[in-house]
Amino acid sequence: MNGTTINTPAGTPFVEVTREFAATPAQLFRVMSDRDLVAQWLGPRNLEATIEEYDVRTGGKYRYIHKDESGEYAFRGVFHTVEPDRLVIQTFEWEGAPGEVCIEKMTLEPTEKGVRLHQRSVFPSVEARDQSIEYGMANGIEDSMDRLAELVAKEG
């Protein structure tokens, strides 16, 4: 299992995340799409996650809230395309910045040692992407991917 690679090319609205997992695409997809399991890995370790809705299917929606001593941070989106074990295309919106909607494409690719997750997020502007980076997005991604790897190993 490798660490998470986060690529944020300067002057672009893109964020690319790559991580390899010691699992099959089906195992990883199950842990990433099961509402009860999502609450165990999504977000930074220092935040509590409440999953209000997580309907991973084409046309499904999601909404979750992260909480800490400073407050609540709600996120929502729509699953535009879901091909189990292979592809998810969704929107992503932090409710603290309404109208700043990202489009995210995630693929799961089998490898010799497991599965490679690759996600590309397209922000509405370079400024919106840069602001997310300033708010600590990379830490949240790294924590989420580490927690996901731990849960996949545990769940088998």
Protein backbone atom coordinates (compact mmCIF):
# COMPACT_ATOMS: atom_id res chain seq x y z
CA MET A 1 0.00 0.00 0.00
CA ASN A 2 1.41 3.35 -1.03
CA GLY A 3 0.79 6.79 0.43
CA THR A 4 -1.55 9.33 -1.06
CA THR A 5 -0.33 11.57 -3.87
CA ILE A 6 -2.06 14.94 -4.20
CA ASN A 7 -1.30 17.02 -7.28
CA THR A 8 -2.43 20.67 -7.41
CA PRO A 9 -0.96 22.17 -10.60
CA ALA A 10 -0.39 25.91 -10.20
CA GLY A 11 -2.75 28.15 -12.15
CA THR A 12 -5.35 25.41 -12.73
CA PRO A 13 -8.66 24.58 -11.03
CA PHE A 14 -7.63 20.90 -10.67
CA VAL A 15 -6.81 18.64 -7.75
CA GLU A 16 -5.73 15.08 -8.51
CA VAL A 17 -5.54 12.37 -5.85
CA THR A 18 -4.01 8.93 -6.34
CA ARG A 19 -3.74 6.11 -3.81
CA GLU A 20 -3.17 2.38 -4.05
CA PHE A 21 -5.01 -0.01 -1.77
CA ALA A 22 -4.41 -3.66 -0.91
CA ALA A 23 -7.92 -4.69 -1.96
CA THR A 24 -9.99 -5.56 -4.97
CA PRO A 25 -11.99 -2.84 -6.72
CA ALA A 26 -15.17 -4.45 -5.33
CA GLN A 27 -13.85 -4.38 -1.74
CA LEU A 28 -12.79 -0.75 -2.00
CA PHE A 29 -16.04 0.32 -3.65
CA ARG A 30 -18.09 -1.40 -0.93
CA VAL A 31 -16.26 0.44 1.87
CA MET A 32 -16.49 3.72 -0.04
CA SER A 33 -20.21 3.42 -0.71
CA ASP A 34 -21.68 1.80 2.42
CA ARG A 35 -23.24 4.63 4.44
CA ASP A 36 -22.27 3.12 7.80
CA LEU A 37 -18.67 2.53 6.73
CA VAL A 38 -18.30 5.98 5.11
CA ALA A 39 -18.77 7.61 8.52
CA GLN A 40 -15.71 5.69 9.74
CA TRP A 41 -13.25 7.00 7.15
CA LEU A 42 -14.51 10.22 5.55
CA GLY A 43 -12.70 13.37 6.66
CA PRO A 44 -9.93 14.33 9.04
CA ARG A 45 -9.43 12.24 12.17
CA ASN A 46 -10.12 15.20 14.44
CA LEU A 47 -13.66 15.69 13.08
CA GLU A 48 -16.77 13.67 13.84
CA ALA A 49 -18.74 12.66 10.76
CA THR A 50 -22.52 12.37 10.55
CA ILE A 51 -23.81 10.90 7.31
CA GLU A 52 -27.32 12.22 6.65
CA GLU A 53 -27.68 10.72 3.18
CA TYR A 54 -25.33 8.63 1.03
CA ASP A 55 -27.11 7.02 -1.92
CA VAL A 56 -24.29 5.88 -4.22
CA ARG A 57 -26.11 5.25 -7.50
CA THR A 58 -26.59 7.20 -10.69
CA GLY A 59 -28.91 10.06 -9.69
CA GLY A 60 -28.38 9.49 -5.96
CA LYS A 61 -27.49 12.25 -3.49
CA TYR A 62 -25.32 12.67 -0.44
CA ARG A 63 -25.01 15.03 2.50
CA TYR A 64 -22.74 14.76 5.49
CA ILE A 65 -21.62 16.97 8.34
CA HIS A 66 -18.22 17.19 10.00
CA LYS A 67 -18.15 18.58 13.55
CA ASP A 68 -15.50 19.81 15.93
CA GLU A 69 -15.37 22.22 18.86
CA SER A 70 -15.45 25.16 16.42
CA GLY A 71 -18.65 24.19 14.65
CA GLU A 72 -20.20 22.17 11.86
CA TYR A 73 -19.17 21.87 8.21
CA ALA A 74 -21.78 20.42 5.85
CA PHE A 75 -21.12 19.01 2.38
CA ARG A 76 -23.48 17.77 -0.30
CA GLY A 77 -23.63 16.57 -3.86
CA VAL A 78 -25.19 14.39 -6.51
CA PHE A 79 -23.87 11.15 -7.98
CA HIS A 80 -24.12 11.71 -11.73
CA THR A 81 -22.64 8.42 -12.91
CA VAL A 82 -21.95 5.32 -10.83
CA GLU A 83 -20.48 2.16 -12.32
CA PRO A 84 -19.85 -0.04 -9.25
CA ASP A 85 -16.23 -1.11 -8.72
CA ARG A 86 -15.06 1.16 -11.57
CA LEU A 87 -16.27 4.77 -11.83
CA VAL A 88 -18.02 7.53 -9.87
CA ILE A 89 -18.71 11.01 -11.22
CA GLN A 90 -20.22 13.38 -8.66
CA THR A 91 -20.59 16.97 -7.61
CA PHE A 92 -19.11 18.27 -4.36
CA GLU A 93 -20.20 21.42 -2.55
CA TRP A 94 -19.25 22.79 0.85
CA GLU A 95 -22.40 24.48 2.14
CA GLY A 96 -20.22 27.23 3.62
CA ALA A 97 -19.50 28.40 0.05
CA PRO A 98 -22.79 27.84 -1.78
CA GLY A 99 -22.56 27.81 -5.55
CA GLU A 100 -18.87 26.79 -5.56
CA VAL A 101 -19.59 23.30 -6.92
CA CYS A 102 -16.79 20.94 -7.94
CA ILE A 103 -17.10 18.10 -10.41
CA GLU A 104 -15.22 14.97 -9.31
CA LYS A 105 -14.36 11.89 -11.32
CA MET A 106 -13.04 8.85 -9.46
CA THR A 107 -11.81 5.68 -11.12
CA LEU A 108 -10.82 2.36 -9.57
CA GLU A 109 -8.22 0.47 -11.58
CA PRO A 110 -7.05 -3.07 -10.75
CA THR A 111 -3.28 -3.40 -10.29
CA GLU A 112 -0.97 -6.34 -9.59
CA LYS A 113 -1.06 -5.55 -5.86
CA GLY A 114 -4.66 -4.37 -5.48
CA VAL A 115 -6.49 -1.32 -6.77
CA ARG A 116 -5.50 2.23 -7.68
CA LEU A 117 -7.95 5.01 -6.86
CA HIS A 118 -7.57 8.12 -8.99
CA GLN A 119 -9.75 11.17 -8.44
CA ARG A 120 -9.75 14.43 -10.32
CA SER A 121 -11.67 17.39 -8.93
CA VAL A 122 -12.44 20.40 -11.09
CA PHE A 123 -13.22 23.54 -9.10
CA PRO A 124 -15.26 26.41 -10.57
CA SER A 125 -12.16 28.65 -10.55
CA VAL A 126 -8.47 28.66 -9.69
CA GLU A 127 -9.32 30.95 -6.76
CA ALA A 128 -11.87 28.49 -5.33
CA ARG A 129 -9.36 25.66 -5.65
CA ASP A 130 -6.61 27.72 -4.00
CA GLN A 131 -8.92 28.70 -1.15
CA SER A 132 -9.74 25.03 -0.51
CA ILE A 133 -6.03 24.27 -0.36
CA GLU A 134 -5.53 27.12 2.12
CA TYR A 135 -8.34 25.71 4.32
CA GLY A 136 -6.40 22.45 4.69
CA MET A 137 -7.99 20.28 2.03
CA ALA A 138 -4.81 18.22 1.62
CA ASN A 139 -4.82 17.22 5.30
CA GLY A 140 -8.45 16.11 5.03
CA ILE A 141 -7.71 14.08 1.90
CA GLU A 142 -4.64 12.41 3.41
CA ASP A 143 -6.48 11.54 6.64
CA SER A 144 -9.46 10.19 4.68
CA MET A 145 -7.28 8.03 2.44
CA ASP A 146 -5.29 6.67 5.42
CA ARG A 147 -8.49 5.91 7.32
CA LEU A 148 -9.99 4.30 4.20
CA ALA A 149 -6.93 2.05 3.81
CA GLU A 150 -7.17 1.03 7.48
CA LEU A 151 -10.88 0.24 7.17
CA VAL A 152 -10.46 -1.71 3.92
CA ALA A 153 -7.77 -3.83 5.60
CA LYS A 154 -10.06 -4.44 8.60
CA GLU A 155 -13.20 -5.15 6.55
CA GLY A 156 -11.40 -7.39 4.05
